[in-house]
Amino acid sequence: MIYDITGLLIEVHDIQQNKQQVPLNLPVGTYILQLHSATGILSKKIVVMGSE
């Protein structure tokens, strides 16, 4: 799941066990990536920056 910085749910992806990449099409900003697994929940901040 991907949330914007205000907590609004932006995207949900069903990731298979061996998949390591998920294509994202997010505008510039700060987001929270939340991964759920059988062993727990991992949350990480991600920052999308524009190309220069």
C-alpha atoms as a PDB file:
ATOM      1  CA  MET A   1       0.000   0.000   0.000  1.00  0.00           C
ATOM      2  CA  ILE A   2       1.169   3.525  -0.707  1.00  0.00           C
ATOM      3  CA  TYR A   3      -0.093   6.504   1.276  1.00  0.00           C
ATOM      4  CA  ASP A   4       0.548  10.192   0.742  1.00  0.00           C
ATOM      5  CA  ILE A   5       2.038  12.186   3.605  1.00  0.00           C
ATOM      6  CA  THR A   6      -1.445  13.043   4.934  1.00  0.00           C
ATOM      7  CA  GLY A   7      -2.356   9.352   5.241  1.00  0.00           C
ATOM      8  CA  LEU A   8      -4.579   9.139   2.161  1.00  0.00           C
ATOM      9  CA  LEU A   9      -4.357   5.727   0.476  1.00  0.00           C
ATOM     10  CA  ILE A  10      -2.970   6.281  -3.039  1.00  0.00           C
ATOM     11  CA  GLU A  11      -2.262   2.812  -4.475  1.00  0.00           C
ATOM     12  CA  VAL A  12      -2.609  -0.850  -3.552  1.00  0.00           C
ATOM     13  CA  HIS A  13      -0.498  -3.556  -5.177  1.00  0.00           C
ATOM     14  CA  ASP A  14      -0.654  -7.309  -4.679  1.00  0.00           C
ATOM     15  CA  ILE A  15       3.012  -8.315  -4.729  1.00  0.00           C
ATOM     16  CA  GLN A  16       3.889 -11.923  -5.418  1.00  0.00           C
ATOM     17  CA  GLN A  17       6.461 -13.677  -3.241  1.00  0.00           C
ATOM     18  CA  ASN A  18       9.426 -13.408  -5.623  1.00  0.00           C
ATOM     19  CA  LYS A  19       8.608 -10.050  -7.207  1.00  0.00           C
ATOM     20  CA  GLN A  20      11.134  -7.346  -6.362  1.00  0.00           C
ATOM     21  CA  GLN A  21       9.879  -4.363  -8.387  1.00  0.00           C
ATOM     22  CA  VAL A  22       6.543  -2.591  -8.573  1.00  0.00           C
ATOM     23  CA  PRO A  23       6.015   0.082 -11.241  1.00  0.00           C
ATOM     24  CA  LEU A  24       4.866   3.357  -9.701  1.00  0.00           C
ATOM     25  CA  ASN A  25       3.519   6.420 -11.444  1.00  0.00           C
ATOM     26  CA  LEU A  26       3.487   8.953  -8.614  1.00  0.00           C
ATOM     27  CA  PRO A  27       3.823  12.722  -8.779  1.00  0.00           C
ATOM     28  CA  VAL A  28       6.694  14.439  -6.978  1.00  0.00           C
ATOM     29  CA  GLY A  29       6.193  14.205  -3.219  1.00  0.00           C
ATOM     30  CA  THR A  30       6.712  12.191  -0.047  1.00  0.00           C
ATOM     31  CA  TYR A  31       4.903   8.896   0.477  1.00  0.00           C
ATOM     32  CA  ILE A  32       4.699   6.046   2.955  1.00  0.00           C
ATOM     33  CA  LEU A  33       5.189   2.545   1.550  1.00  0.00           C
ATOM     34  CA  GLN A  34       3.611  -0.125   3.742  1.00  0.00           C
ATOM     35  CA  LEU A  35       4.316  -3.818   3.144  1.00  0.00           C
ATOM     36  CA  HIS A  36       2.261  -6.522   4.861  1.00  0.00           C
ATOM     37  CA  SER A  37       3.571 -10.086   5.236  1.00  0.00           C
ATOM     38  CA  ALA A  38       2.924 -13.141   7.359  1.00  0.00           C
ATOM     39  CA  THR A  39       5.624 -11.963   9.773  1.00  0.00           C
ATOM     40  CA  GLY A  40       4.515  -8.352  10.190  1.00  0.00           C
ATOM     41  CA  ILE A  41       4.198  -4.898   8.658  1.00  0.00           C
ATOM     42  CA  LEU A  42       7.046  -2.760   7.325  1.00  0.00           C
ATOM     43  CA  SER A  43       6.586   0.979   6.719  1.00  0.00           C
ATOM     44  CA  LYS A  44       9.137   3.128   4.874  1.00  0.00           C
ATOM     45  CA  LYS A  45       9.148   6.732   3.706  1.00  0.00           C
ATOM     46  CA  ILE A  46       9.826   7.196  -0.007  1.00  0.00           C
ATOM     47  CA  VAL A  47      10.524  10.491  -1.756  1.00  0.00           C
ATOM     48  CA  VAL A  48       9.682  10.915  -5.443  1.00  0.00           C
ATOM     49  CA  MET A  49      11.825  13.620  -7.045  1.00  0.00           C
ATOM     50  CA  GLY A  50      11.372  15.184 -10.459  1.00  0.00           C
ATOM     51  CA  SER A  51      13.917  14.618 -13.216  1.00  0.00           C
ATOM     52  CA  GLU A  52      16.360  17.454 -13.857  1.00  0.00           C
END
